[in-house]
Protein backbone atom coordinates (compact mmCIF):
# COMPACT_ATOMS: atom_id res chain seq x y z
CA MET A 1 -13.91 -34.75 61.88
CA VAL A 2 -12.98 -31.53 60.33
CA ALA A 3 -13.84 -28.26 61.99
CA VAL A 4 -15.42 -25.73 59.41
CA PRO A 5 -15.57 -22.17 60.66
CA LEU A 6 -18.85 -20.39 60.61
CA PRO A 7 -19.09 -17.50 58.28
CA ASN A 8 -18.74 -14.27 59.83
CA TYR A 9 -21.32 -11.92 58.27
CA SER A 10 -20.16 -8.74 59.88
CA ALA A 11 -16.65 -9.14 58.45
CA ASP A 12 -18.04 -9.73 55.04
CA ALA A 13 -20.36 -6.84 55.20
CA GLY A 14 -17.56 -4.50 56.49
CA LEU A 15 -15.42 -5.73 53.58
CA GLU A 16 -18.13 -5.19 50.97
CA GLN A 17 -18.77 -1.78 52.54
CA ARG A 18 -15.24 -0.80 52.21
CA ARG A 19 -15.05 -1.72 48.72
CA LEU A 20 -18.04 0.17 47.87
CA GLN A 21 -16.42 3.35 49.48
CA VAL A 22 -13.13 3.02 47.59
CA ALA A 23 -14.98 2.59 44.32
CA GLN A 24 -17.10 5.70 45.21
CA ARG A 25 -13.92 7.58 45.89
CA LYS A 26 -12.46 6.56 42.58
CA ALA A 27 -15.42 7.54 40.70
CA GLN A 28 -15.56 10.94 42.40
CA ARG A 29 -11.68 11.58 41.68
CA GLN A 30 -12.33 10.63 37.93
CA LYS A 31 -15.30 12.89 37.73
CA ARG A 32 -13.42 15.81 39.34
CA SER A 33 -10.52 15.41 36.91
CA LEU A 34 -12.97 15.26 33.89
CA GLU A 35 -14.74 18.39 35.18
CA LEU A 36 -11.41 20.24 35.38
CA LEU A 37 -10.49 19.16 32.02
CA GLN A 38 -13.92 20.09 30.52
CA GLY A 39 -14.13 23.35 32.48
CA SER A 40 -10.75 24.73 31.54
CA LEU A 41 -10.61 23.37 27.82
CA SER A 42 -14.14 23.61 26.84
CA ALA A 43 -14.56 24.77 23.36
CA LYS A 44 -17.90 26.71 24.21
CA ARG A 45 -16.65 28.42 27.27
CA VAL A 46 -13.41 29.59 25.54
CA GLU A 47 -15.73 30.92 22.51
CA ARG A 48 -17.79 32.76 25.11
CA GLN A 49 -15.02 34.31 26.88
CA ALA A 50 -12.60 35.11 23.88
CA PRO A 51 -14.06 34.37 20.36
CA TRP A 52 -10.74 35.61 18.92
CA LEU A 53 -9.00 32.90 20.79
CA ALA A 54 -11.38 30.17 19.76
CA GLY A 55 -10.93 31.37 15.94
CA LEU A 56 -7.29 31.08 16.49
CA HIS A 57 -7.56 27.62 17.93
CA ARG A 58 -9.53 26.72 14.84
CA VAL A 59 -7.07 28.08 12.44
CA ALA A 60 -4.26 26.26 14.22
CA ASP A 61 -6.26 22.79 14.31
CA GLY A 62 -6.91 23.22 10.50
CA GLY A 63 -3.07 24.08 10.01
CA LEU A 64 -2.14 20.96 11.87
CA MET A 65 -4.78 18.81 10.08
CA ALA A 66 -3.42 20.37 6.64
CA THR A 67 0.14 19.53 7.54
CA GLY A 68 -0.63 16.12 8.56
CA VAL A 69 -2.47 15.42 5.22
CA ALA A 70 0.41 17.14 3.26
CA ALA A 71 2.86 14.84 5.24
CA LEU A 72 1.03 11.74 4.32
CA ALA A 73 0.72 12.68 0.85
CA LEU A 74 4.48 13.46 0.37
CA ALA A 75 5.25 10.15 2.12
CA GLY A 76 3.14 8.32 -0.59
CA LEU A 77 4.64 10.06 -3.29
CA THR A 78 8.21 9.52 -1.87
CA LEU A 79 7.47 5.83 -1.73
CA HIS A 80 6.12 5.79 -5.20
CA TRP A 81 9.08 7.74 -6.73
CA GLN A 82 11.64 5.30 -4.87
CA GLY A 83 9.74 2.33 -6.37
CA ASN A 84 10.01 3.83 -9.93
CA TRP A 85 13.68 4.77 -9.33
CA GLY A 86 14.37 1.22 -8.15
CA SER A 87 12.75 -0.53 -11.24
CA ASP A 88 14.58 2.08 -13.51
CA TYR A 89 17.76 1.31 -11.93
CA ARG A 90 17.35 -2.51 -12.42
CA GLU A 91 16.38 -1.75 -16.05
CA LEU A 92 19.76 0.19 -16.45
CA GLN A 93 21.62 -2.63 -14.89
CA ALA A 94 20.13 -5.14 -17.23
CA SER A 95 20.88 -2.85 -20.28
CA GLN A 96 24.37 -2.46 -19.08
CA GLU A 97 24.69 -6.06 -18.78
CA LEU A 98 23.29 -6.57 -22.19
CA GLU A 99 25.73 -4.03 -23.63
CA HIS A 100 28.57 -5.83 -22.07
CA ARG A 101 27.46 -9.14 -23.46
CA VAL A 102 27.45 -7.48 -27.08
CA LEU A 103 30.74 -6.03 -26.67
CA GLU A 104 32.24 -9.45 -25.42
CA SER A 105 30.29 -11.21 -28.58
CA SER A 106 31.77 -8.72 -30.98
CA SER A 107 35.20 -8.87 -29.43
CA ALA A 108 34.89 -12.87 -29.88
CA LEU A 109 33.83 -12.57 -33.42
CA GLU A 110 36.71 -10.05 -34.21
CA GLN A 111 39.30 -12.54 -32.56
CA HIS A 112 37.77 -15.47 -34.58
CA HIS A 113 38.03 -13.44 -37.85
CA LEU A 114 41.52 -12.46 -37.15
CA LEU A 115 42.46 -15.87 -36.24
CA ARG A 116 41.03 -17.10 -39.73
CA ALA A 117 42.67 -14.10 -41.56
CA ARG A 118 46.21 -15.46 -40.51
CA GLN A 119 45.61 -18.62 -42.13
CA PRO A 120 45.80 -18.22 -45.94
CA GLY A 121 43.79 -20.82 -47.25
CA ALA A 122 40.97 -20.35 -44.86
CA LEU A 123 39.54 -17.28 -46.66
CA VAL A 124 38.13 -17.25 -50.06
CA ALA A 125 38.82 -14.35 -52.35
CA THR A 126 35.80 -12.30 -53.38
CA ARG A 127 34.81 -11.45 -56.85
CA SER A 128 32.04 -9.74 -58.45
CA GLU A 129 30.42 -12.83 -59.94
CA ASP A 130 30.19 -14.57 -56.53
CA LEU A 131 28.06 -11.66 -54.98
CA VAL A 132 24.35 -12.32 -54.79
CA PHE A 133 21.89 -9.35 -55.05
CA VAL A 134 19.32 -9.42 -52.28
CA PRO A 135 16.73 -6.84 -52.87
CA SER A 136 15.95 -4.65 -49.74
CA PRO A 137 12.75 -5.32 -47.90
CA PRO A 138 9.71 -2.95 -48.70
CA SER A 139 9.20 -0.04 -46.42
CA ALA A 140 6.83 -0.20 -43.87
CA LYS A 141 4.34 2.13 -45.51
CA ASN A 142 4.38 -0.23 -48.65
CA ALA A 143 3.92 -3.37 -46.45
CA ILE A 144 0.98 -1.78 -44.56
CA SER A 145 -0.80 -0.60 -47.90
CA PHE A 146 -0.22 -4.23 -49.25
CA LEU A 147 -1.75 -5.74 -46.16
CA HIS A 148 -4.80 -3.49 -46.50
CA ALA A 149 -5.44 -4.11 -50.30
CA PRO A 150 -8.53 -6.07 -50.84
CA LEU A 151 -7.98 -9.77 -51.84
CA GLN A 152 -8.33 -10.50 -55.39
CA PHE A 153 -9.83 -13.89 -56.25
CA ASN A 154 -9.26 -15.51 -59.63
CA LEU A 155 -11.73 -17.91 -61.03
CA ILE A 156 -10.44 -21.41 -60.89
CA ALA A 157 -10.29 -23.26 -64.11
CA SER A 158 -12.70 -26.04 -64.38
CA GLY A 159 -11.57 -29.58 -64.52
CA TYR A 160 -9.69 -30.20 -61.30
């Protein structure tokens, strides 16, 4: 058999009473600290005692809020400008790379032409009879007016 101790009601009641007292003291301390803060920093009390000081507090609060909003706006603008600068810099690097490729290509073409020029039979002498005249393309203004001209339909001859 196992011996089970009987519950001691007086000890449990004393423990519960002790816990209740600790909780009450804690609540009183918290209430006192809130009363102290509310009593000393109350806006209504300050406004009653020194209206000019309350106005000064409002101005300071407004200034702090405006400073915070301005700081957030400037941070947003800075991030936006940094993003734009980064994309512009990438485009600049791409254009410099393309320029470098064009220079390499033109250099390769020049080298090829110079090598062919050193071989006497590789190049053909140019004569005016060998030249072909290619008319220049129409200007953009003429091309646009041609596109906007109405279509002219001719009657199709009968038979086919």
